PDB file of N, CA and C in Angstrom:
ATOM      1  N   MET A   1     115.235 110.667 109.943  1.00  0.00           N
ATOM      2  CA  MET A   1     115.823 109.928 111.034  1.00  0.00           C
ATOM      3  C   MET A   1     115.677 108.437 110.720  1.00  0.00           C
ATOM      4  N   ILE A   2     116.733 107.706 110.810  1.00  0.00           N
ATOM      5  CA  ILE A   2     116.711 106.265 110.590  1.00  0.00           C
ATOM      6  C   ILE A   2     116.906 105.584 111.938  1.00  0.00           C
ATOM      7  N   LYS A   3     116.042 104.630 112.234  1.00  0.00           N
ATOM      8  CA  LYS A   3     116.088 103.896 113.505  1.00  0.00           C
ATOM      9  C   LYS A   3     116.207 102.412 113.212  1.00  0.00           C
ATOM     10  N   ARG A   4     116.737 101.671 114.163  1.00  0.00           N
ATOM     11  CA  ARG A   4     116.796 100.212 114.071  1.00  0.00           C
ATOM     12  C   ARG A   4     116.006  99.634 115.238  1.00  0.00           C
ATOM     13  N   MET A   5     115.400  98.487 114.990  1.00  0.00           N
ATOM     14  CA  MET A   5     114.698  97.783 116.048  1.00  0.00           C
ATOM     15  C   MET A   5     115.730  97.241 117.037  1.00  0.00           C
ATOM     16  N   VAL A   6     115.333  97.129 118.299  1.00  0.00           N
ATOM     17  CA  VAL A   6     116.192  96.540 119.323  1.00  0.00           C
ATOM     18  C   VAL A   6     115.471  95.337 119.919  1.00  0.00           C
ATOM     19  N   GLN A   7     116.220  94.349 120.365  1.00  0.00           N
ATOM     20  CA  GLN A   7     115.625  93.167 120.998  1.00  0.00           C
ATOM     21  C   GLN A   7     115.086  93.545 122.374  1.00  0.00           C
ATOM     22  N   HIS A   8     113.894  93.043 122.663  1.00  0.00           N
ATOM     23  CA  HIS A   8     113.246  93.257 123.953  1.00  0.00           C
ATOM     24  C   HIS A   8     112.593  91.927 124.324  1.00  0.00           C
ATOM     25  N   GLY A   9     113.344  91.060 125.023  1.00  0.00           N
ATOM     26  CA  GLY A   9     112.852  89.710 125.300  1.00  0.00           C
ATOM     27  C   GLY A   9     112.748  88.941 123.998  1.00  0.00           C
ATOM     28  N   ASN A  10     111.597  88.333 123.750  1.00  0.00           N
ATOM     29  CA  ASN A  10     111.365  87.600 122.515  1.00  0.00           C
ATOM     30  C   ASN A  10     110.792  88.482 121.407  1.00  0.00           C
ATOM     31  N   SER A  11     110.680  89.780 121.661  1.00  0.00           N
ATOM     32  CA  SER A  11     110.097  90.718 120.703  1.00  0.00           C
ATOM     33  C   SER A  11     111.141  91.725 120.254  1.00  0.00           C
ATOM     34  N   SER A  12     110.724  92.598 119.370  1.00  0.00           N
ATOM     35  CA  SER A  12     111.561  93.723 118.950  1.00  0.00           C
ATOM     36  C   SER A  12     110.856  95.001 119.355  1.00  0.00           C
ATOM     37  N   ALA A  13     111.636  96.051 119.585  1.00  0.00           N
ATOM     38  CA  ALA A  13     111.071  97.319 120.034  1.00  0.00           C
ATOM     39  C   ALA A  13     111.679  98.452 119.217  1.00  0.00           C
ATOM     40  N   LEU A  14     110.932  99.520 119.099  1.00  0.00           N
ATOM     41  CA  LEU A  14     111.401 100.731 118.443  1.00  0.00           C
ATOM     42  C   LEU A  14     111.472 101.813 119.517  1.00  0.00           C
ATOM     43  N   ILE A  15     112.619 102.417 119.687  1.00  0.00           N
ATOM     44  CA  ILE A  15     112.794 103.467 120.685  1.00  0.00           C
ATOM     45  C   ILE A  15     112.369 104.798 120.066  1.00  0.00           C
ATOM     46  N   ILE A  16     111.476 105.502 120.744  1.00  0.00           N
ATOM     47  CA  ILE A  16     111.024 106.815 120.287  1.00  0.00           C
ATOM     48  C   ILE A  16     111.778 107.859 121.090  1.00  0.00           C
ATOM     49  N   ASP A  17     112.522 108.706 120.404  1.00  0.00           N
ATOM     50  CA  ASP A  17     113.343 109.717 121.081  1.00  0.00           C
ATOM     51  C   ASP A  17     112.483 110.762 121.787  1.00  0.00           C
ATOM     52  N   LYS A  18     113.023 111.317 122.869  1.00  0.00           N
ATOM     53  CA  LYS A  18     112.305 112.284 123.685  1.00  0.00           C
ATOM     54  C   LYS A  18     111.800 113.490 122.886  1.00  0.00           C
ATOM     55  N   PRO A  19     112.585 114.079 121.971  1.00  0.00           N
ATOM     56  CA  PRO A  19     112.053 115.236 121.220  1.00  0.00           C
ATOM     57  C   PRO A  19     110.799 114.890 120.403  1.00  0.00           C
ATOM     58  N   ILE A  20     110.741 113.681 119.864  1.00  0.00           N
ATOM     59  CA  ILE A  20     109.547 113.276 119.118  1.00  0.00           C
ATOM     60  C   ILE A  20     108.375 113.094 120.065  1.00  0.00           C
ATOM     61  N   MET A  21     108.625 112.500 121.226  1.00  0.00           N
ATOM     62  CA  MET A  21     107.566 112.330 122.210  1.00  0.00           C
ATOM     63  C   MET A  21     107.026 113.683 122.661  1.00  0.00           C
ATOM     64  N   GLU A  22     107.917 114.642 122.876  1.00  0.00           N
ATOM     65  CA  GLU A  22     107.485 115.982 123.281  1.00  0.00           C
ATOM     66  C   GLU A  22     106.682 116.654 122.170  1.00  0.00           C
ATOM     67  N   LEU A  23     107.116 116.491 120.925  1.00  0.00           N
ATOM     68  CA  LEU A  23     106.402 117.071 119.790  1.00  0.00           C
ATOM     69  C   LEU A  23     104.978 116.527 119.705  1.00  0.00           C
ATOM     70  N   LEU A  24     104.807 115.227 119.966  1.00  0.00           N
ATOM     71  CA  LEU A  24     103.492 114.585 119.884  1.00  0.00           C
ATOM     72  C   LEU A  24     102.712 114.678 121.189  1.00  0.00           C
ATOM     73  N   ASN A  25     103.334 115.268 122.199  1.00  0.00           N
ATOM     74  CA  ASN A  25     102.705 115.414 123.517  1.00  0.00           C
ATOM     75  C   ASN A  25     102.302 114.050 124.086  1.00  0.00           C
ATOM     76  N   ILE A  26     103.245 113.098 124.024  1.00  0.00           N
ATOM     77  CA  ILE A  26     103.000 111.771 124.585  1.00  0.00           C
ATOM     78  C   ILE A  26     104.083 111.442 125.602  1.00  0.00           C
ATOM     79  N   ASP A  27     103.803 110.462 126.440  1.00  0.00           N
ATOM     80  CA  ASP A  27     104.786 109.972 127.401  1.00  0.00           C
ATOM     81  C   ASP A  27     104.728 108.449 127.398  1.00  0.00           C
ATOM     82  N   PRO A  28     105.559 107.775 128.194  1.00  0.00           N
ATOM     83  CA  PRO A  28     105.565 106.308 128.165  1.00  0.00           C
ATOM     84  C   PRO A  28     104.226 105.663 128.546  1.00  0.00           C
ATOM     85  N   GLU A  29     103.334 106.409 129.169  1.00  0.00           N
ATOM     86  CA  GLU A  29     102.032 105.873 129.580  1.00  0.00           C
ATOM     87  C   GLU A  29     100.945 106.100 128.533  1.00  0.00           C
ATOM     88  N   THR A  30     101.227 106.872 127.494  1.00  0.00           N
ATOM     89  CA  THR A  30     100.231 107.180 126.460  1.00  0.00           C
ATOM     90  C   THR A  30      99.936 105.939 125.626  1.00  0.00           C
ATOM     91  N   PRO A  31      98.658 105.536 125.518  1.00  0.00           N
ATOM     92  CA  PRO A  31      98.343 104.409 124.637  1.00  0.00           C
ATOM     93  C   PRO A  31      98.543 104.815 123.179  1.00  0.00           C
ATOM     94  N   LEU A  32      99.143 103.907 122.411  1.00  0.00           N
ATOM     95  CA  LEU A  32      99.412 104.179 121.007  1.00  0.00           C
ATOM     96  C   LEU A  32      98.697 103.159 120.136  1.00  0.00           C
ATOM     97  N   GLU A  33      98.166 103.618 119.019  1.00  0.00           N
ATOM     98  CA  GLU A  33      97.538 102.734 118.043  1.00  0.00           C
ATOM     99  C   GLU A  33      98.559 102.452 116.955  1.00  0.00           C
ATOM    100  N   ILE A  34      98.707 101.193 116.594  1.00  0.00           N
ATOM    101  CA  ILE A  34      99.620 100.811 115.525  1.00  0.00           C
ATOM    102  C   ILE A  34      98.797 100.287 114.359  1.00  0.00           C
ATOM    103  N   ALA A  35      99.002 100.878 113.195  1.00  0.00           N
ATOM    104  CA  ALA A  35      98.268 100.484 111.992  1.00  0.00           C
ATOM    105  C   ALA A  35      99.260 100.387 110.835  1.00  0.00           C
ATOM    106  N   THR A  36      98.782  99.900 109.712  1.00  0.00           N
ATOM    107  CA  THR A  36      99.616  99.839 108.517  1.00  0.00           C
ATOM    108  C   THR A  36      98.760 100.125 107.294  1.00  0.00           C
ATOM    109  N   ASP A  37      99.396 100.677 106.286  1.00  0.00           N
ATOM    110  CA  ASP A  37      98.726 100.860 105.003  1.00  0.00           C
ATOM    111  C   ASP A  37      99.214  99.818 103.998  1.00  0.00           C
ATOM    112  N   GLY A  38      99.920  98.822 104.498  1.00  0.00           N
ATOM    113  CA  GLY A  38     100.450  97.768 103.659  1.00  0.00           C
ATOM    114  C   GLY A  38     101.923  97.944 103.345  1.00  0.00           C
ATOM    115  N   GLN A  39     102.422  99.166 103.493  1.00  0.00           N
ATOM    116  CA  GLN A  39     103.833  99.435 103.239  1.00  0.00           C
ATOM    117  C   GLN A  39     104.506 100.170 104.390  1.00  0.00           C
ATOM    118  N   ASN A  40     103.727 100.869 105.189  1.00  0.00           N
ATOM    119  CA  ASN A  40     104.261 101.697 106.259  1.00  0.00           C
ATOM    120  C   ASN A  40     103.617 101.329 107.582  1.00  0.00           C
ATOM    121  N   ILE A  41     104.359 101.532 108.653  1.00  0.00           N
ATOM    122  CA  ILE A  41     103.807 101.401 109.996  1.00  0.00           C
ATOM    123  C   ILE A  41     103.377 102.792 110.435  1.00  0.00           C
ATOM    124  N   ILE A  42     102.154 102.900 110.931  1.00  0.00           N
ATOM    125  CA  ILE A  42     101.613 104.181 111.380  1.00  0.00           C
ATOM    126  C   ILE A  42     101.346 104.064 112.871  1.00  0.00           C
ATOM    127  N   ILE A  43     102.017 104.887 113.660  1.00  0.00           N
ATOM    128  CA  ILE A  43     101.877 104.870 115.115  1.00  0.00           C
ATOM    129  C   ILE A  43     101.261 106.197 115.529  1.00  0.00           C
ATOM    130  N   SER A  44     100.090 106.140 116.175  1.00  0.00           N
ATOM    131  CA  SER A  44      99.362 107.353 116.544  1.00  0.00           C
ATOM    132  C   SER A  44      98.923 107.282 117.994  1.00  0.00           C
ATOM    133  N   PRO A  45      98.981 108.412 118.707  1.00  0.00           N
ATOM    134  CA  PRO A  45      98.424 108.431 120.064  1.00  0.00           C
ATOM    135  C   PRO A  45      96.920 108.172 119.999  1.00  0.00           C
ATOM    136  N   VAL A  46      96.422 107.375 120.921  1.00  0.00           N
ATOM    137  CA  VAL A  46      94.985 107.109 120.999  1.00  0.00           C
ATOM    138  C   VAL A  46      94.319 108.351 121.574  1.00  0.00           C
ATOM    139  N   GLY A  47      93.209 108.750 120.970  1.00  0.00           N
ATOM    140  CA  GLY A  47      92.490 109.923 121.447  1.00  0.00           C
ATOM    141  C   GLY A  47      91.851 109.679 122.804  1.00  0.00           C
ATOM    142  N   ASP A  48      91.224 110.687 123.322  1.00  0.00           N
ATOM    143  CA  ASP A  48      90.554 110.625 124.613  1.00  0.00           C
ATOM    144  C   ASP A  48      89.463 109.555 124.566  1.00  0.00           C
ATOM    145  N   PRO A  49      89.577 108.487 125.386  1.00  0.00           N
ATOM    146  CA  PRO A  49      88.578 107.406 125.332  1.00  0.00           C
ATOM    147  C   PRO A  49      87.158 107.878 125.645  1.00  0.00           C
ATOM    148  N   LYS A  50      87.004 108.854 126.524  1.00  0.00           N
ATOM    149  CA  LYS A  50      85.667 109.367 126.847  1.00  0.00           C
ATOM    150  C   LYS A  50      85.056 110.055 125.633  1.00  0.00           C
ATOM    151  N   ARG A  51      85.891 110.790 124.896  1.00  0.00           N
ATOM    152  CA  ARG A  51      85.402 111.473 123.706  1.00  0.00           C
ATOM    153  C   ARG A  51      84.973 110.465 122.650  1.00  0.00           C
ATOM    154  N   MET A  52      85.774 109.417 122.462  1.00  0.00           N
ATOM    155  CA  MET A  52      85.428 108.378 121.496  1.00  0.00           C
ATOM    156  C   MET A  52      84.134 107.670 121.901  1.00  0.00           C
ATOM    157  N   ASP A  53      83.939 107.447 123.192  1.00  0.00           N
ATOM    158  CA  ASP A  53      82.715 106.805 123.670  1.00  0.00           C
ATOM    159  C   ASP A  53      81.502 107.679 123.358  1.00  0.00           C
ATOM    160  N   ARG A  54      81.634 108.989 123.598  1.00  0.00           N
ATOM    161  CA  ARG A  54      80.524 109.907 123.292  1.00  0.00           C
ATOM    162  C   ARG A  54      80.233 109.916 121.793  1.00  0.00           C
ATOM    163  N   LEU A  55      81.289 109.894 120.970  1.00  0.00           N
ATOM    164  CA  LEU A  55      81.103 109.873 119.524  1.00  0.00           C
ATOM    165  C   LEU A  55      80.376 108.613 119.087  1.00  0.00           C
ATOM    166  N   GLU A  56      80.782 107.459 119.618  1.00  0.00           N
ATOM    167  CA  GLU A  56      80.135 106.192 119.250  1.00  0.00           C
ATOM    168  C   GLU A  56      78.670 106.181 119.657  1.00  0.00           C
ATOM    169  N   LYS A  57      78.356 106.713 120.833  1.00  0.00           N
ATOM    170  CA  LYS A  57      76.955 106.784 121.276  1.00  0.00           C
ATOM    171  C   LYS A  57      76.146 107.701 120.366  1.00  0.00           C
ATOM    172  N   ALA A  58      76.721 108.849 119.998  1.00  0.00           N
ATOM    173  CA  ALA A  58      76.025 109.787 119.117  1.00  0.00           C
ATOM    174  C   ALA A  58      75.792 109.157 117.746  1.00  0.00           C
ATOM    175  N   LEU A  59      76.792 108.472 117.212  1.00  0.00           N
ATOM    176  CA  LEU A  59      76.626 107.806 115.922  1.00  0.00           C
ATOM    177  C   LEU A  59      75.563 106.711 115.992  1.00  0.00           C
ATOM    178  N   GLY A  60      75.504 106.013 117.116  1.00  0.00           N
ATOM    179  CA  GLY A  60      74.482 104.988 117.296  1.00  0.00           C
ATOM    180  C   GLY A  60      73.085 105.580 117.254  1.00  0.00           C
ATOM    181  N   LYS A  61      72.902 106.715 117.914  1.00  0.00           N
ATOM    182  CA  LYS A  61      71.600 107.390 117.914  1.00  0.00           C
ATOM    183  C   LYS A  61      71.222 107.853 116.504  1.00  0.00           C
ATOM    184  N   ILE A  62      72.194 108.413 115.804  1.00  0.00           N
ATOM    185  CA  ILE A  62      71.935 108.888 114.437  1.00  0.00           C
ATOM    186  C   ILE A  62      71.567 107.719 113.534  1.00  0.00           C
ATOM    187  N   ASN A  63      72.320 106.630 113.630  1.00  0.00           N
ATOM    188  CA  ASN A  63      72.038 105.457 112.798  1.00  0.00           C
ATOM    189  C   ASN A  63      70.659 104.889 113.095  1.00  0.00           C
ATOM    190  N   LYS A  64      70.287 104.852 114.361  1.00  0.00           N
ATOM    191  CA  LYS A  64      68.978 104.316 114.736  1.00  0.00           C
ATOM    192  C   LYS A  64      67.854 105.227 114.218  1.00  0.00           C
ATOM    193  N   LYS A  65      68.028 106.525 114.402  1.00  0.00           N
ATOM    194  CA  LYS A  65      66.994 107.481 114.020  1.00  0.00           C
ATOM    195  C   LYS A  65      66.814 107.557 112.501  1.00  0.00           C
ATOM    196  N   HIS A  66      67.921 107.450 111.753  1.00  0.00           N
ATOM    197  CA  HIS A  66      67.873 107.643 110.307  1.00  0.00           C
ATOM    198  C   HIS A  66      68.206 106.370 109.529  1.00  0.00           C
ATOM    199  N   GLU A  67      67.945 105.225 110.142  1.00  0.00           N
ATOM    200  CA  GLU A  67      68.324 103.936 109.542  1.00  0.00           C
ATOM    201  C   GLU A  67      67.762 103.757 108.118  1.00  0.00           C
ATOM    202  N   SER A  68      66.461 104.018 107.937  1.00  0.00           N
ATOM    203  CA  SER A  68      65.872 103.781 106.613  1.00  0.00           C
ATOM    204  C   SER A  68      66.446 104.748 105.565  1.00  0.00           C
ATOM    205  N   THR A  69      66.647 105.988 105.934  1.00  0.00           N
ATOM    206  CA  THR A  69      67.214 106.960 105.007  1.00  0.00           C
ATOM    207  C   THR A  69      68.638 106.582 104.617  1.00  0.00           C
ATOM    208  N   LEU A  70      69.425 106.168 105.603  1.00  0.00           N
ATOM    209  CA  LEU A  70      70.817 105.787 105.336  1.00  0.00           C
ATOM    210  C   LEU A  70      70.875 104.555 104.422  1.00  0.00           C
ATOM    211  N   LYS A  71      69.949 103.612 104.613  1.00  0.00           N
ATOM    212  CA  LYS A  71      69.917 102.432 103.747  1.00  0.00           C
ATOM    213  C   LYS A  71      69.579 102.823 102.323  1.00  0.00           C
ATOM    214  N   LYS A  72      68.649 103.756 102.144  1.00  0.00           N
ATOM    215  CA  LYS A  72      68.293 104.225 100.803  1.00  0.00           C
ATOM    216  C   LYS A  72      69.484 104.929 100.153  1.00  0.00           C
ATOM    217  N   LEU A  73      70.195 105.727 100.915  1.00  0.00           N
ATOM    218  CA  LEU A  73      71.363 106.417 100.369  1.00  0.00           C
ATOM    219  C   LEU A  73      72.480 105.443  99.991  1.00  0.00           C
ATOM    220  N   ALA A  74      72.565 104.338 100.693  1.00  0.00           N
ATOM    221  CA  ALA A  74      73.616 103.361 100.417  1.00  0.00           C
ATOM    222  C   ALA A  74      73.390 102.620  99.103  1.00  0.00           C
ATOM    223  N   LYS A  75      72.131 102.607  98.637  1.00  0.00           N
ATOM    224  CA  LYS A  75      71.809 101.904  97.395  1.00  0.00           C
ATOM    225  C   LYS A  75      72.223 102.676  96.223  1.00  0.00           C
TER     226      LYS A  75
END
């Protein structure tokens, strides 16, 4: 599928067709992350913020508990 950007005020916008939105299980209210690998634009739905918060807290505990071991492994 080839798409063209459209003007939206002083910016440009990319229209995402409904079948693609349904395939990705997203709607106009879904937060999207935009990234690049230097050649491509990567647009991904943002995961559950509560889940990410729990993951970050768990990683913090692991890093604190095993800080010296992790530093040794990094060397």
